[in-house]
C-alpha atoms as a PDB file:
ATOM      1  CA  MET A   1      -3.476 -43.375 -16.261  1.00  0.00           C
ATOM      2  CA  LYS A   2      -6.206 -41.025 -17.494  1.00  0.00           C
ATOM      3  CA  GLY A   3      -8.127 -41.519 -14.210  1.00  0.00           C
ATOM      4  CA  ALA A   4      -5.026 -40.655 -12.162  1.00  0.00           C
ATOM      5  CA  VAL A   5      -4.461 -37.445 -14.137  1.00  0.00           C
ATOM      6  CA  THR A   6      -8.115 -36.443 -13.686  1.00  0.00           C
ATOM      7  CA  PHE A   7      -7.878 -37.141  -9.952  1.00  0.00           C
ATOM      8  CA  LEU A   8      -4.711 -35.011  -9.623  1.00  0.00           C
ATOM      9  CA  MET A   9      -6.370 -32.188 -11.551  1.00  0.00           C
ATOM     10  CA  LEU A  10      -9.373 -32.310  -9.195  1.00  0.00           C
ATOM     11  CA  VAL A  11      -7.117 -32.252  -6.125  1.00  0.00           C
ATOM     12  CA  ALA A  12      -5.132 -29.300  -7.539  1.00  0.00           C
ATOM     13  CA  THR A  13      -8.357 -27.438  -8.360  1.00  0.00           C
ATOM     14  CA  ALA A  14      -9.778 -28.039  -4.871  1.00  0.00           C
ATOM     15  CA  ALA A  15      -6.528 -26.870  -3.250  1.00  0.00           C
ATOM     16  CA  ALA A  16      -6.435 -23.737  -5.407  1.00  0.00           C
ATOM     17  CA  ALA A  17     -10.058 -22.977  -4.513  1.00  0.00           C
ATOM     18  CA  GLN A  18      -9.159 -22.913  -0.815  1.00  0.00           C
ATOM     19  CA  GLU A  19      -6.008 -20.791  -1.181  1.00  0.00           C
ATOM     20  CA  ARG A  20      -6.012 -17.656   0.883  1.00  0.00           C
ATOM     21  CA  PRO A  21      -6.798 -14.567  -1.234  1.00  0.00           C
ATOM     22  CA  LEU A  22      -4.780 -11.384  -1.183  1.00  0.00           C
ATOM     23  CA  VAL A  23      -6.358  -9.160   1.468  1.00  0.00           C
ATOM     24  CA  GLN A  24      -4.240  -6.053   0.849  1.00  0.00           C
ATOM     25  CA  PRO A  25      -3.714  -4.432  -2.554  1.00  0.00           C
ATOM     26  CA  LYS A  26      -0.665  -5.485  -4.599  1.00  0.00           C
ATOM     27  CA  ARG A  27      -0.394  -2.021  -6.142  1.00  0.00           C
ATOM     28  CA  ASP A  28      -1.143   1.562  -5.173  1.00  0.00           C
ATOM     29  CA  VAL A  29      -4.833   2.341  -5.290  1.00  0.00           C
ATOM     30  CA  THR A  30      -7.337   4.976  -4.166  1.00  0.00           C
ATOM     31  CA  VAL A  31     -10.833   3.805  -3.262  1.00  0.00           C
ATOM     32  CA  ILE A  32     -13.860   5.926  -2.342  1.00  0.00           C
ATOM     33  CA  TYR A  33     -16.162   3.990   0.008  1.00  0.00           C
ATOM     34  CA  LYS A  34     -19.714   4.412   1.253  1.00  0.00           C
ATOM     35  CA  VAL A  35     -19.471   3.534   4.961  1.00  0.00           C
ATOM     36  CA  GLU A  36     -22.430   2.499   7.125  1.00  0.00           C
ATOM     37  CA  GLY A  37     -23.158   1.281  10.629  1.00  0.00           C
ATOM     38  CA  ALA A  38     -20.380   0.860  13.181  1.00  0.00           C
ATOM     39  CA  ALA A  39     -17.784   1.127  10.391  1.00  0.00           C
ATOM     40  CA  ALA A  40     -18.622   4.858  10.234  1.00  0.00           C
ATOM     41  CA  SER A  41     -17.167   5.333  13.735  1.00  0.00           C
ATOM     42  CA  VAL A  42     -13.747   3.730  13.222  1.00  0.00           C
ATOM     43  CA  ILE A  43     -12.199   7.159  12.649  1.00  0.00           C
ATOM     44  CA  PRO A  44     -12.364   9.577  15.598  1.00  0.00           C
ATOM     45  CA  GLY A  45     -15.233  11.995  14.982  1.00  0.00           C
ATOM     46  CA  GLY A  46     -16.993   9.561  12.659  1.00  0.00           C
ATOM     47  CA  ILE A  47     -17.402   9.412   8.904  1.00  0.00           C
ATOM     48  CA  PRO A  48     -20.334  11.606   7.829  1.00  0.00           C
ATOM     49  CA  GLY A  49     -20.005  10.910   4.097  1.00  0.00           C
ATOM     50  CA  PRO A  50     -17.790   9.034   1.657  1.00  0.00           C
ATOM     51  CA  LEU A  51     -14.374   7.873   2.843  1.00  0.00           C
ATOM     52  CA  ARG A  52     -11.318   8.101   0.602  1.00  0.00           C
ATOM     53  CA  LEU A  53      -8.763   5.393   1.293  1.00  0.00           C
ATOM     54  CA  LEU A  54      -5.304   5.567  -0.277  1.00  0.00           C
ATOM     55  CA  TRP A  55      -3.173   2.417  -0.187  1.00  0.00           C
ATOM     56  CA  ASP A  56       0.635   2.363  -0.475  1.00  0.00           C
ATOM     57  CA  ALA A  57       1.246  -1.234  -1.545  1.00  0.00           C
ATOM     58  CA  ALA A  58       5.039  -1.257  -1.192  1.00  0.00           C
ATOM     59  CA  GLY A  59       4.987   0.311   2.259  1.00  0.00           C
ATOM     60  CA  GLN A  60       1.866  -1.515   3.536  1.00  0.00           C
ATOM     61  CA  ARG A  61       0.439   1.848   4.608  1.00  0.00           C
ATOM     62  CA  LEU A  62      -2.972   3.418   4.235  1.00  0.00           C
ATOM     63  CA  ARG A  63      -4.428   6.864   4.553  1.00  0.00           C
ATOM     64  CA  ALA A  64      -8.142   7.222   5.333  1.00  0.00           C
ATOM     65  CA  GLU A  65      -9.744  10.627   4.702  1.00  0.00           C
ATOM     66  CA  PRO A  66     -13.413  11.300   5.463  1.00  0.00           C
ATOM     67  CA  GLU A  67     -14.971  13.725   2.983  1.00  0.00           C
ATOM     68  CA  ALA A  68     -15.190  17.376   4.109  1.00  0.00           C
ATOM     69  CA  ARG A  69     -12.913  16.835   7.137  1.00  0.00           C
ATOM     70  CA  THR A  70      -9.421  18.145   7.841  1.00  0.00           C
ATOM     71  CA  GLN A  71      -8.445  14.934   9.615  1.00  0.00           C
ATOM     72  CA  ALA A  72      -6.950  11.785   8.132  1.00  0.00           C
ATOM     73  CA  VAL A  73      -5.817   8.556   9.733  1.00  0.00           C
ATOM     74  CA  LEU A  74      -2.441   7.125   8.741  1.00  0.00           C
ATOM     75  CA  VAL A  75      -1.961   3.416   9.426  1.00  0.00           C
ATOM     76  CA  ASP A  76       1.318   1.558   9.014  1.00  0.00           C
ATOM     77  CA  LEU A  77       0.656  -2.182   9.080  1.00  0.00           C
ATOM     78  CA  ARG A  78       4.338  -3.116   9.329  1.00  0.00           C
ATOM     79  CA  ALA A  79       5.070  -0.774  12.233  1.00  0.00           C
ATOM     80  CA  HIS A  80       1.650  -1.383  13.883  1.00  0.00           C
ATOM     81  CA  THR A  81       0.994   2.350  14.214  1.00  0.00           C
ATOM     82  CA  ALA A  82      -1.957   4.670  13.697  1.00  0.00           C
ATOM     83  CA  VAL A  83      -1.871   8.447  13.716  1.00  0.00           C
ATOM     84  CA  VAL A  84      -4.661  11.004  13.385  1.00  0.00           C
ATOM     85  CA  LEU A  85      -3.387  13.870  11.239  1.00  0.00           C
ATOM     86  CA  ASP A  86      -5.192  17.235  11.360  1.00  0.00           C
ATOM     87  CA  THR A  87      -4.149  19.527   8.511  1.00  0.00           C
ATOM     88  CA  ALA A  88      -6.138  22.506   9.849  1.00  0.00           C
ATOM     89  CA  LEU A  89      -4.501  22.345  13.286  1.00  0.00           C
ATOM     90  CA  ARG A  90      -1.155  21.192  11.854  1.00  0.00           C
ATOM     91  CA  SER A  91      -0.972  18.485  14.505  1.00  0.00           C
ATOM     92  CA  THR A  92      -1.000  14.737  14.931  1.00  0.00           C
ATOM     93  CA  LEU A  93      -2.242  12.398  17.622  1.00  0.00           C
ATOM     94  CA  SER A  94      -0.587   9.010  17.928  1.00  0.00           C
ATOM     95  CA  LEU A  95      -3.060   6.300  18.847  1.00  0.00           C
ATOM     96  CA  PRO A  96      -2.025   3.248  20.837  1.00  0.00           C
ATOM     97  CA  VAL A  97      -2.348   0.203  18.612  1.00  0.00           C
ATOM     98  CA  LYS A  98      -2.299  -3.411  19.651  1.00  0.00           C
ATOM     99  CA  GLU A  99      -1.687  -5.994  16.949  1.00  0.00           C
ATOM    100  CA  ARG A 100      -5.265  -7.226  17.422  1.00  0.00           C
ATOM    101  CA  ASP A 101      -6.565  -3.753  16.489  1.00  0.00           C
ATOM    102  CA  LEU A 102      -5.313  -4.171  12.909  1.00  0.00           C
ATOM    103  CA  GLN A 103      -6.760  -7.683  12.427  1.00  0.00           C
ATOM    104  CA  PRO A 104      -9.837  -6.414  10.513  1.00  0.00           C
ATOM    105  CA  LEU A 105      -7.405  -4.946   7.943  1.00  0.00           C
ATOM    106  CA  THR A 106      -5.042  -7.923   7.715  1.00  0.00           C
ATOM    107  CA  LEU A 107      -7.512 -10.753   8.440  1.00  0.00           C
ATOM    108  CA  ASP A 108      -4.645 -12.559  10.196  1.00  0.00           C
ATOM    109  CA  GLY A 109      -5.924 -15.724  11.816  1.00  0.00           C
ATOM    110  CA  ALA A 110      -9.302 -15.494  10.059  1.00  0.00           C
ATOM    111  CA  ARG A 111     -10.819 -18.410   8.183  1.00  0.00           C
ATOM    112  CA  LEU A 112     -11.936 -17.445   4.688  1.00  0.00           C
ATOM    113  CA  THR A 113     -14.318 -19.526   2.598  1.00  0.00           C
ATOM    114  CA  ARG A 114     -14.866 -18.738  -1.071  1.00  0.00           C
ATOM    115  CA  ARG A 115     -18.523 -18.072  -1.958  1.00  0.00           C
ATOM    116  CA  GLY A 116     -18.656 -16.902  -5.570  1.00  0.00           C
ATOM    117  CA  ALA A 117     -18.028 -14.068  -7.965  1.00  0.00           C
ATOM    118  CA  ALA A 118     -19.455 -10.559  -8.099  1.00  0.00           C
ATOM    119  CA  ALA A 119     -18.819  -7.240  -9.799  1.00  0.00           C
ATOM    120  CA  ILE A 120     -18.748  -3.852  -8.060  1.00  0.00           C
ATOM    121  CA  VAL A 121     -18.007  -0.529  -9.811  1.00  0.00           C
ATOM    122  CA  GLY A 122     -17.223  -2.533 -12.940  1.00  0.00           C
ATOM    123  CA  LEU A 123     -14.509  -4.641 -11.266  1.00  0.00           C
ATOM    124  CA  ALA A 124     -14.668  -8.380 -10.696  1.00  0.00           C
ATOM    125  CA  CYS A 125     -14.277  -9.618  -7.146  1.00  0.00           C
ATOM    126  CA  THR A 126     -14.700 -12.843  -5.216  1.00  0.00           C
ATOM    127  CA  ASN A 127     -16.996 -13.065  -2.192  1.00  0.00           C
ATOM    128  CA  TRP A 128     -15.473 -14.678   0.879  1.00  0.00           C
ATOM    129  CA  ASP A 129     -17.115 -15.572   4.183  1.00  0.00           C
ATOM    130  CA  VAL A 130     -14.840 -14.469   7.017  1.00  0.00           C
ATOM    131  CA  GLN A 131     -14.772 -16.053  10.487  1.00  0.00           C
ATOM    132  CA  SER A 132     -12.427 -14.892  13.230  1.00  0.00           C
ATOM    133  CA  GLY A 133     -12.253 -14.583  16.983  1.00  0.00           C
ATOM    134  CA  ARG A 134     -13.419 -10.974  16.603  1.00  0.00           C
ATOM    135  CA  GLY A 135     -16.472 -11.601  14.442  1.00  0.00           C
ATOM    136  CA  ALA A 136     -17.852 -12.751  11.125  1.00  0.00           C
ATOM    137  CA  GLY A 137     -18.936 -11.323   7.823  1.00  0.00           C
ATOM    138  CA  THR A 138     -18.312 -11.262   4.101  1.00  0.00           C
ATOM    139  CA  VAL A 139     -15.727  -9.507   1.978  1.00  0.00           C
ATOM    140  CA  CYS A 140     -15.496  -9.140  -1.800  1.00  0.00           C
ATOM    141  CA  LEU A 141     -11.839  -8.991  -2.922  1.00  0.00           C
ATOM    142  CA  THR A 142     -10.375  -8.353  -6.361  1.00  0.00           C
ATOM    143  CA  ALA A 143      -7.655 -10.729  -7.578  1.00  0.00           C
ATOM    144  CA  ASP A 144      -5.079  -8.046  -6.710  1.00  0.00           C
ATOM    145  CA  GLY A 145      -6.323  -7.608  -3.124  1.00  0.00           C
ATOM    146  CA  VAL A 146      -8.630  -4.571  -3.219  1.00  0.00           C
ATOM    147  CA  THR A 147     -11.668  -4.809  -0.958  1.00  0.00           C
ATOM    148  CA  LEU A 148     -14.709  -3.668  -2.921  1.00  0.00           C
ATOM    149  CA  ARG A 149     -17.287  -4.530  -0.282  1.00  0.00           C
ATOM    150  CA  ALA A 150     -17.266  -5.776   3.304  1.00  0.00           C
ATOM    151  CA  GLU A 151     -20.085  -6.325   5.766  1.00  0.00           C
ATOM    152  CA  GLY A 152     -20.241  -7.987   9.124  1.00  0.00           C
ATOM    153  CA  ASP A 153     -19.679  -7.820  12.842  1.00  0.00           C
ATOM    154  CA  VAL A 154     -16.421  -6.955  14.583  1.00  0.00           C
ATOM    155  CA  ASP A 155     -16.440  -7.150  18.377  1.00  0.00           C
ATOM    156  CA  GLY A 156     -20.252  -7.224  18.331  1.00  0.00           C
ATOM    157  CA  ARG A 157     -20.669  -4.093  16.198  1.00  0.00           C
ATOM    158  CA  HIS A 158     -22.230  -4.325  12.711  1.00  0.00           C
ATOM    159  CA  GLY A 159     -21.017  -2.227   9.810  1.00  0.00           C
ATOM    160  CA  SER A 160     -20.300  -2.208   6.096  1.00  0.00           C
ATOM    161  CA  PHE A 161     -18.432  -0.387   3.376  1.00  0.00           C
ATOM    162  CA  THR A 162     -18.853  -0.511  -0.390  1.00  0.00           C
ATOM    163  CA  ALA A 163     -16.588   0.917  -3.088  1.00  0.00           C
ATOM    164  CA  LEU A 164     -18.046   3.787  -5.095  1.00  0.00           C
ATOM    165  CA  ASN A 165     -14.914   4.402  -7.170  1.00  0.00           C
ATOM    166  CA  VAL A 166     -11.531   2.696  -7.627  1.00  0.00           C
ATOM    167  CA  SER A 167      -8.498   4.378  -9.176  1.00  0.00           C
ATOM    168  CA  TYR A 168      -5.114   2.691  -9.628  1.00  0.00           C
ATOM    169  CA  GLY A 169      -1.958   4.771  -9.846  1.00  0.00           C
ATOM    170  CA  ALA A 170       1.273   5.561  -8.030  1.00  0.00           C
ATOM    171  CA  LEU A 171       0.839   7.535  -4.809  1.00  0.00           C
ATOM    172  CA  SER A 172       3.412   9.902  -3.333  1.00  0.00           C
ATOM    173  CA  PRO A 173       5.119   8.509  -0.203  1.00  0.00           C
ATOM    174  CA  GLU A 174       4.591  11.983   1.347  1.00  0.00           C
ATOM    175  CA  LEU A 175       0.874  11.209   1.681  1.00  0.00           C
ATOM    176  CA  PHE A 176       1.749   8.573   4.286  1.00  0.00           C
ATOM    177  CA  ARG A 177       4.265  10.597   6.303  1.00  0.00           C
ATOM    178  CA  ILE A 178       3.769  13.063   9.119  1.00  0.00           C
ATOM    179  CA  PRO A 179       4.960  16.526   8.051  1.00  0.00           C
ATOM    180  CA  ALA A 180       7.990  17.569  10.140  1.00  0.00           C
ATOM    181  CA  SER A 181       6.380  20.925  10.989  1.00  0.00           C
ATOM    182  CA  PHE A 182       3.310  19.327  12.615  1.00  0.00           C
ATOM    183  CA  MET A 183       3.026  19.256  16.413  1.00  0.00           C
ATOM    184  CA  GLN A 184       2.983  15.639  17.582  1.00  0.00           C
ATOM    185  CA  LEU A 185       0.742  14.641  20.499  1.00  0.00           C
ATOM    186  CA  SER A 186       0.631  11.249  22.163  1.00  0.00           C
ATOM    187  CA  LEU A 187      -1.850   9.653  24.531  1.00  0.00           C
ATOM    188  CA  PRO A 188      -0.305   6.261  25.432  1.00  0.00           C
ATOM    189  CA  ASN A 189      -3.411   4.757  27.052  1.00  0.00           C
ATOM    190  CA  PHE A 190      -6.067   6.656  25.113  1.00  0.00           C
ATOM    191  CA  GLY A 191      -9.283   5.062  26.388  1.00  0.00           C
ATOM    192  CA  ARG A 192      -7.691   1.671  27.172  1.00  0.00           C
ATOM    193  CA  LEU A 193      -6.832  -0.321  30.221  1.00  0.00           C
ATOM    194  CA  LYS A 194      -3.720  -2.476  30.198  1.00  0.00           C
END
């Protein structure tokens, strides 16, 4: 009987070790990242310095703001939308988004393999190797789904980002909405072929 219990405990432990981690935060959080390589060009105009990322956990939305820029990118994972917001010009530009475009944020369809523990900015995270049809790399995720570090290749381009500061706290839903007074522009096939 004791051998059977030990065996079941080992099986349960092995299964738990291969469970998929949370890859989006469970609660509202603001993270300042150092961004390098191709990751610095994911926002139109590039990211010349630190990037502030605000995450609305309930709404599955994020706001990415490069330091010293008037632009921000609003991404809604549920609606599969991305909008560039320019506060200086009081305008927005809707970007065409295919579901595949958001895969680096959701890691849908990716195979994750646990590699060990780490600590970044005083927070514990688990390193995971990531393999997908779009590339490969590593990501260090907290137990509540905050990415503290990521490095790898997506579509043949290498980049990385590392958390410099993490701050938990409720975020206003207004941060993730387009102000009604802003002029809305749309380029349906912005740089893409069907």
